[in-house]
Each structure stands twice: as structure tokens, then as C-alpha cells.
Amino acid sequence: MDSARPKPRRHTLVVLVEDHPGVLNRVVSLLRRRSFNIHTITVGASEQPGISRMTLVVEGDAQDVEQAGKQLYKLMEVLKVTDITDTNSISHELVLVKVATKTQNRQEVMLAGQIYDAKFVDATPSSLIMEVTGSPERIDSFLNMVKPYGIRELVRTGPVAMSRGGGTVQIRDGRIERANGVAAAAD
């Protein structure tokens, strides 16, 4: 047993893939086979037609995550894998939460939502549904604030993340073009 091996921690991976049926399944299956627990996965369109952007939060040590990235590149549809865990990045997610309300506490629940700039998307005499966006830590803080009132339902997207600054990675004609104009083939 290697006692010098670093402890596993959460890593945020941004994966650019071709938008084809079954790609999500292949990515998830590959990570499952490598025994990664995917804490969250968010997939959506990128700024480039035909390219989807995945944001995955996985747990592992740096060596394991690096190896997983190398394995992901073996999938034909994977164009770019970036671990942005230790970079200056922005991470936001969305939560919809249905909170139980009574006449006596409704104003308190609404005030808690206002503190977090919640959008009130539905109201009934016995509940409020609020939408909050922000960093994962901000979402956690909001949920801790409304938990004592009774959370009836909750759905959370998981983070989407992007590195700060002017650097970008774009895929064109099977090549990765960096913002500074230097092109390189997919790793």
C-alpha cells in the first residue's frame, strides 16, 4: 500500500464531444469501468454546432483523473478533456426547491429566498417553488437556510464550469484552435 499517494478529491472535468447518439452512455460507461463515482454530470450544446460540452464532477486522486482523461480520448467522439479543478474558474448550478409553507412562516421563507435572489416560480397555499443559481457553495447555503421549513422536493443540475480569462478552446474541422491562433490536433 502506497501511503504517499494523495487522498482522492473532487475534480471538475470539461469534456467536449461530438453531438452523436450514445456518446453520453459511452463516456459514463468508461468512467464506471474505471470505478469513478460521477457526482454530477451536466451536458448541453456548446457555442459550436455539432459539439456538446459535458461538465463532470468525479472523485479521485490526480493520477487517476489524468488516466481517466487519457482513456476518454480513446473514444472517437471525445475531442477535448480538461481538468479545471485547480484553475481559476467559474462554477454555477441551478436548483429548484419546493418548500413547505404555512401562514405563520410564509414571509420568513420568502425572505430567505430573497436573500439568495431566488425566483419564485410557483406558489400554493402550502408551498413555494424557488429557483436559485450560483456557485455550489451558494446553493448549499441556500438549502441549509430553507431546510428547517421542510423541503418537499428538490432538483439540482450540478455545476457547469468555465475557466476565467480570455483563453478558449474551439473545435473546427477536427482541429483544436486556441484563442491565440495556434492550432493543434486533438490530444
Protein backbone atom coordinates (compact mmCIF):
# COMPACT_ATOMS: atom_id res chain seq x y z
CA MET A 1 0.00 0.00 0.00
CA ASP A 2 1.40 3.38 -1.04
CA SER A 3 0.99 5.79 1.90
CA ALA A 4 2.43 8.66 -0.17
CA ARG A 5 -0.50 8.52 -2.61
CA PRO A 6 -2.66 11.68 -2.33
CA LYS A 7 -6.19 11.45 -0.97
CA PRO A 8 -9.00 11.38 -3.52
CA ARG A 9 -10.86 14.65 -4.00
CA ARG A 10 -13.45 16.04 -6.33
CA HIS A 11 -12.31 17.08 -9.79
CA THR A 12 -14.24 19.09 -12.37
CA LEU A 13 -13.71 17.85 -15.92
CA VAL A 14 -14.87 19.70 -19.01
CA VAL A 15 -15.24 17.33 -21.95
CA LEU A 16 -16.02 18.47 -25.49
CA VAL A 17 -17.65 15.75 -27.58
CA GLU A 18 -19.27 15.30 -30.95
CA ASP A 19 -23.03 15.50 -30.59
CA HIS A 20 -24.00 11.95 -31.59
CA PRO A 21 -26.46 9.46 -30.08
CA GLY A 22 -24.85 7.25 -27.45
CA VAL A 23 -21.86 9.48 -26.63
CA LEU A 24 -23.07 10.20 -23.10
CA ASN A 25 -23.53 6.49 -22.47
CA ARG A 26 -20.01 5.70 -23.72
CA VAL A 27 -18.43 8.40 -21.54
CA VAL A 28 -20.33 7.28 -18.43
CA SER A 29 -19.60 3.60 -19.12
CA LEU A 30 -15.89 4.27 -19.48
CA LEU A 31 -15.77 6.15 -16.16
CA ARG A 32 -17.85 3.44 -14.47
CA ARG A 33 -15.43 0.77 -15.67
CA ARG A 34 -12.59 2.79 -14.12
CA SER A 35 -14.57 2.85 -10.81
CA PHE A 36 -15.19 6.59 -10.80
CA ASN A 37 -18.23 7.82 -8.95
CA ILE A 38 -19.74 10.61 -11.04
CA HIS A 39 -21.11 13.10 -8.51
CA THR A 40 -22.72 15.25 -11.19
CA ILE A 41 -22.87 15.39 -14.96
CA THR A 42 -24.27 18.26 -16.98
CA VAL A 43 -24.43 18.13 -20.76
CA GLY A 44 -25.53 20.75 -23.24
CA ALA A 45 -24.80 22.46 -26.50
CA SER A 46 -21.59 24.43 -26.89
CA GLU A 47 -21.01 27.56 -28.96
CA GLN A 48 -20.09 25.32 -31.88
CA PRO A 49 -22.77 23.42 -33.85
CA GLY A 50 -22.42 19.66 -33.51
CA ILE A 51 -20.26 19.89 -30.37
CA SER A 52 -21.63 19.25 -26.87
CA ARG A 53 -19.98 20.29 -23.63
CA MET A 54 -20.02 17.99 -20.62
CA THR A 55 -19.15 19.11 -17.12
CA LEU A 56 -18.41 16.12 -14.90
CA VAL A 57 -17.57 16.17 -11.21
CA VAL A 58 -15.74 12.97 -10.25
CA GLU A 59 -13.78 11.87 -7.22
CA GLY A 60 -10.25 10.54 -7.41
CA ASP A 61 -6.63 11.47 -6.98
CA ALA A 62 -4.86 13.50 -9.67
CA GLN A 63 -3.18 10.40 -11.19
CA ASP A 64 -6.48 8.52 -11.51
CA VAL A 65 -8.24 11.52 -13.05
CA GLU A 66 -5.39 12.05 -15.50
CA GLN A 67 -5.58 8.38 -16.50
CA ALA A 68 -9.35 8.65 -16.95
CA GLY A 69 -8.79 11.63 -19.26
CA LYS A 70 -6.38 9.59 -21.36
CA GLN A 71 -8.94 6.79 -21.57
CA LEU A 72 -11.67 9.24 -22.61
CA TYR A 73 -9.54 10.30 -25.58
CA LYS A 74 -9.79 6.73 -26.86
CA LEU A 75 -13.48 7.36 -27.54
CA MET A 76 -13.74 8.63 -31.11
CA GLU A 77 -16.30 11.32 -30.26
CA VAL A 78 -14.23 12.88 -27.45
CA LEU A 79 -12.45 15.97 -28.76
CA LYS A 80 -11.03 17.61 -25.63
CA VAL A 81 -10.76 16.75 -21.91
CA THR A 82 -9.73 19.43 -19.43
CA ASP A 83 -9.45 19.13 -15.65
CA ILE A 84 -10.23 22.66 -14.44
CA THR A 85 -10.16 21.77 -10.73
CA ASP A 86 -7.08 23.82 -9.92
CA THR A 87 -7.65 26.61 -12.44
CA ASN A 88 -9.24 29.98 -11.92
CA SER A 89 -12.77 29.07 -13.00
CA ILE A 90 -16.42 29.87 -12.50
CA SER A 91 -18.82 27.12 -11.49
CA HIS A 92 -22.58 27.66 -11.37
CA GLU A 93 -25.56 25.42 -10.95
CA LEU A 94 -29.31 25.70 -10.66
CA VAL A 95 -31.67 24.33 -8.03
CA LEU A 96 -35.46 24.19 -7.96
CA VAL A 97 -36.76 23.60 -4.45
CA LYS A 98 -40.31 23.20 -3.20
CA VAL A 99 -40.51 24.42 0.39
CA ALA A 100 -43.46 23.79 2.70
CA THR A 101 -45.09 26.98 3.94
CA LYS A 102 -47.73 27.86 6.47
CA THR A 103 -49.41 31.20 7.02
CA GLN A 104 -47.17 31.90 10.00
CA ASN A 105 -43.83 31.21 8.22
CA ARG A 106 -44.50 32.10 4.57
CA GLN A 107 -42.88 35.55 4.89
CA GLU A 108 -39.78 34.03 6.51
CA VAL A 109 -39.42 31.53 3.67
CA MET A 110 -39.84 34.32 1.10
CA LEU A 111 -37.23 36.45 2.89
CA ALA A 112 -34.79 33.53 2.86
CA GLY A 113 -35.37 33.23 -0.89
CA GLN A 114 -34.86 36.96 -1.42
CA ILE A 115 -31.52 36.84 0.40
CA TYR A 116 -30.35 34.40 -2.30
CA ASP A 117 -32.04 36.25 -5.20
CA ALA A 118 -34.45 33.36 -5.67
CA LYS A 119 -37.02 33.47 -8.43
CA PHE A 120 -40.40 32.41 -7.14
CA VAL A 121 -41.69 30.15 -9.92
CA ASP A 122 -44.80 28.70 -8.24
CA ALA A 123 -46.89 29.34 -5.15
CA THR A 124 -49.72 27.46 -3.49
CA PRO A 125 -51.21 27.98 -0.04
CA SER A 126 -48.95 25.21 1.32
CA SER A 127 -45.71 25.60 -0.67
CA LEU A 128 -43.38 27.82 -2.67
CA ILE A 129 -41.13 26.70 -5.52
CA MET A 130 -37.96 28.76 -5.79
CA GLU A 131 -35.19 28.77 -8.38
CA VAL A 132 -31.69 29.75 -7.31
CA THR A 133 -28.49 29.84 -9.38
CA GLY A 134 -24.91 30.30 -8.30
CA SER A 135 -21.86 28.51 -7.06
CA PRO A 136 -22.31 25.07 -5.49
CA GLU A 137 -21.41 26.61 -2.12
CA ARG A 138 -24.10 29.27 -2.53
CA ILE A 139 -26.67 26.61 -3.41
CA ASP A 140 -25.67 24.58 -0.33
CA SER A 141 -26.02 27.67 1.85
CA PHE A 142 -29.48 28.43 0.44
CA LEU A 143 -30.63 24.85 1.02
CA ASN A 144 -29.38 24.95 4.61
CA MET A 145 -31.37 28.17 5.11
CA VAL A 146 -34.70 26.69 3.90
CA LYS A 147 -34.24 23.15 5.25
CA PRO A 148 -35.85 23.90 8.65
CA TYR A 149 -39.10 24.87 6.90
CA GLY A 150 -39.36 21.50 5.18
CA ILE A 151 -38.07 20.72 1.70
CA ARG A 152 -40.78 18.76 -0.11
CA GLU A 153 -38.96 18.33 -3.42
CA LEU A 154 -35.59 19.28 -4.82
CA VAL A 155 -33.84 19.06 -8.17
CA ARG A 156 -30.30 20.25 -8.73
CA THR A 157 -28.45 20.44 -12.03
CA GLY A 158 -24.89 20.01 -10.88
CA PRO A 159 -22.33 22.60 -11.90
CA VAL A 160 -21.44 23.89 -15.30
CA ALA A 161 -17.94 25.35 -15.29
CA MET A 162 -15.70 27.51 -17.42
CA SER A 163 -12.17 28.82 -16.95
CA ARG A 164 -11.86 32.55 -16.39
CA GLY A 165 -9.93 34.82 -18.70
CA GLY A 166 -9.52 35.20 -22.44
CA GLY A 167 -8.31 31.73 -23.35
CA THR A 168 -10.76 29.49 -25.17
CA VAL A 169 -10.70 26.13 -26.87
CA GLN A 170 -12.65 25.79 -30.09
CA ILE A 171 -13.01 22.81 -32.40
CA ARG A 172 -13.00 23.45 -36.15
CA ASP A 173 -12.55 20.87 -38.89
CA GLY A 174 -11.34 18.24 -36.42
CA ARG A 175 -8.66 20.53 -35.06
CA ILE A 176 -8.49 22.40 -31.78
CA GLU A 177 -7.83 26.09 -32.26
CA ARG A 178 -6.61 28.02 -29.28
CA ALA A 179 -7.56 31.68 -28.85
CA ASN A 180 -4.00 32.80 -29.63
CA GLY A 181 -4.35 31.31 -33.14
CA VAL A 182 -2.09 28.31 -32.59
CA ALA A 183 -3.83 25.16 -33.79
CA ALA A 184 -3.13 21.67 -32.57
CA ALA A 185 -4.64 18.30 -33.36
CA ALA A 186 -6.80 16.77 -30.67
CA ASP A 187 -4.53 15.28 -27.99
